[in-house]
Amino acid sequence: MTDAASASADAPFSWRALETEIGLDELPNFHRDFLTWRGVEDAQHMPLRRVQQRVESELNRLVQAGQATRQEDDWLIGPDVLGGFAAYERLGKLK
């Protein structure tokens, strides 16, 4: 079981572990959905490299807002931060 799957409901979860759970084939769509949820315009048509850059920018914004922490090349995100993000909720992570 990955860190994200085994995390308690109150503990922050690893963004990188979440990406691993999603799988490589679905990751670009998940990232684009995340950007759209965060209000980034035209995320569905961005080149993949730009999508990855913007995802990291948005994760860093969560850190600045106190909703996540940076840990080396990962982000630890509070358990309720992604509430309302449908692609995340479909994974069954939110109680």
Protein backbone atom coordinates (compact mmCIF):
# COMPACT_ATOMS: atom_id res chain seq x y z
CA MET A 1 0.00 0.00 0.00
CA THR A 2 1.34 3.46 -0.88
CA ASP A 3 1.79 6.31 1.54
CA ALA A 4 -1.26 8.12 0.17
CA ALA A 5 -3.46 5.05 0.50
CA SER A 6 -2.32 4.24 4.02
CA ALA A 7 -2.41 7.78 5.42
CA SER A 8 -4.90 8.44 8.16
CA ALA A 9 -7.75 10.83 7.49
CA ASP A 10 -6.04 13.54 9.59
CA ALA A 11 -2.49 13.21 8.25
CA PRO A 12 -1.07 15.02 5.24
CA PHE A 13 -0.52 12.85 2.19
CA SER A 14 2.30 12.72 -0.34
CA TRP A 15 1.55 14.23 -3.76
CA ARG A 16 4.15 11.94 -5.35
CA ALA A 17 2.57 8.85 -3.80
CA LEU A 18 -0.80 10.02 -5.12
CA GLU A 19 0.68 10.38 -8.61
CA THR A 20 1.99 6.82 -8.36
CA GLU A 21 -1.48 5.54 -7.48
CA ILE A 22 -3.01 7.28 -10.48
CA GLY A 23 -0.67 5.66 -12.96
CA LEU A 24 1.32 7.01 -15.86
CA ASP A 25 -1.43 6.72 -18.48
CA GLU A 26 -3.95 8.79 -16.51
CA LEU A 27 -1.51 11.26 -14.94
CA PRO A 28 -1.62 13.93 -17.69
CA ASN A 29 -5.43 14.09 -17.47
CA PHE A 30 -5.29 14.20 -13.66
CA HIS A 31 -2.77 17.06 -13.80
CA ARG A 32 -4.87 18.99 -16.32
CA ASP A 33 -7.97 18.46 -14.18
CA PHE A 34 -6.03 19.70 -11.14
CA LEU A 35 -4.99 22.85 -12.99
CA THR A 36 -8.53 23.48 -14.19
CA TRP A 37 -9.79 23.03 -10.62
CA ARG A 38 -7.17 25.53 -9.45
CA GLY A 39 -8.44 28.07 -12.01
CA VAL A 40 -5.66 27.83 -14.59
CA GLU A 41 -7.14 28.80 -17.94
CA ASP A 42 -6.92 26.47 -20.94
CA ALA A 43 -5.10 23.72 -19.02
CA GLN A 44 -6.70 21.09 -21.26
CA HIS A 45 -4.74 22.41 -24.25
CA MET A 46 -1.36 23.07 -22.62
CA PRO A 47 1.68 21.11 -23.76
CA LEU A 48 2.54 18.36 -21.30
CA ARG A 49 5.81 19.95 -20.19
CA ARG A 50 3.99 23.19 -19.38
CA VAL A 51 1.32 21.26 -17.49
CA GLN A 52 3.96 19.75 -15.21
CA GLN A 53 5.53 23.16 -14.58
CA ARG A 54 2.15 24.66 -13.70
CA VAL A 55 1.24 21.75 -11.40
CA GLU A 56 4.43 22.38 -9.44
CA SER A 57 3.65 26.10 -9.35
CA GLU A 58 0.18 25.41 -7.98
CA LEU A 59 1.56 23.00 -5.39
CA ASN A 60 4.01 25.70 -4.31
CA ARG A 61 1.09 28.11 -3.99
CA LEU A 62 -0.54 25.62 -1.61
CA VAL A 63 2.69 25.73 0.43
CA GLN A 64 2.59 29.52 0.49
CA ALA A 65 -1.04 29.39 1.66
CA GLY A 66 -0.12 27.01 4.49
CA GLN A 67 -2.13 24.14 2.99
CA ALA A 68 0.89 21.99 2.14
CA THR A 69 4.56 21.61 2.98
CA ARG A 70 7.49 20.97 0.69
CA GLN A 71 9.66 17.95 1.45
CA GLU A 72 12.56 17.57 -1.00
CA ASP A 73 10.90 16.78 -4.37
CA ASP A 74 7.47 16.11 -2.85
CA TRP A 75 4.59 18.05 -1.34
CA LEU A 76 2.69 16.94 1.74
CA ILE A 77 -0.87 18.13 1.42
CA GLY A 78 -3.43 18.54 4.18
CA PRO A 79 -6.21 15.96 4.13
CA ASP A 80 -9.04 18.33 3.19
CA VAL A 81 -7.16 20.67 0.83
CA LEU A 82 -8.38 18.91 -2.31
CA GLY A 83 -12.03 18.92 -1.26
CA GLY A 84 -14.11 19.78 -4.32
CA PHE A 85 -11.50 18.44 -6.75
CA ALA A 86 -13.64 15.82 -8.50
CA ALA A 87 -10.77 13.79 -9.99
CA TYR A 88 -9.29 13.38 -6.51
CA GLU A 89 -12.64 12.62 -4.92
CA ARG A 90 -13.25 9.86 -7.49
CA LEU A 91 -10.18 8.12 -6.08
CA GLY A 92 -12.11 7.76 -2.82
CA LYS A 93 -9.59 9.70 -0.76
CA LEU A 94 -12.00 12.07 0.97
CA LYS A 95 -14.26 10.75 3.66
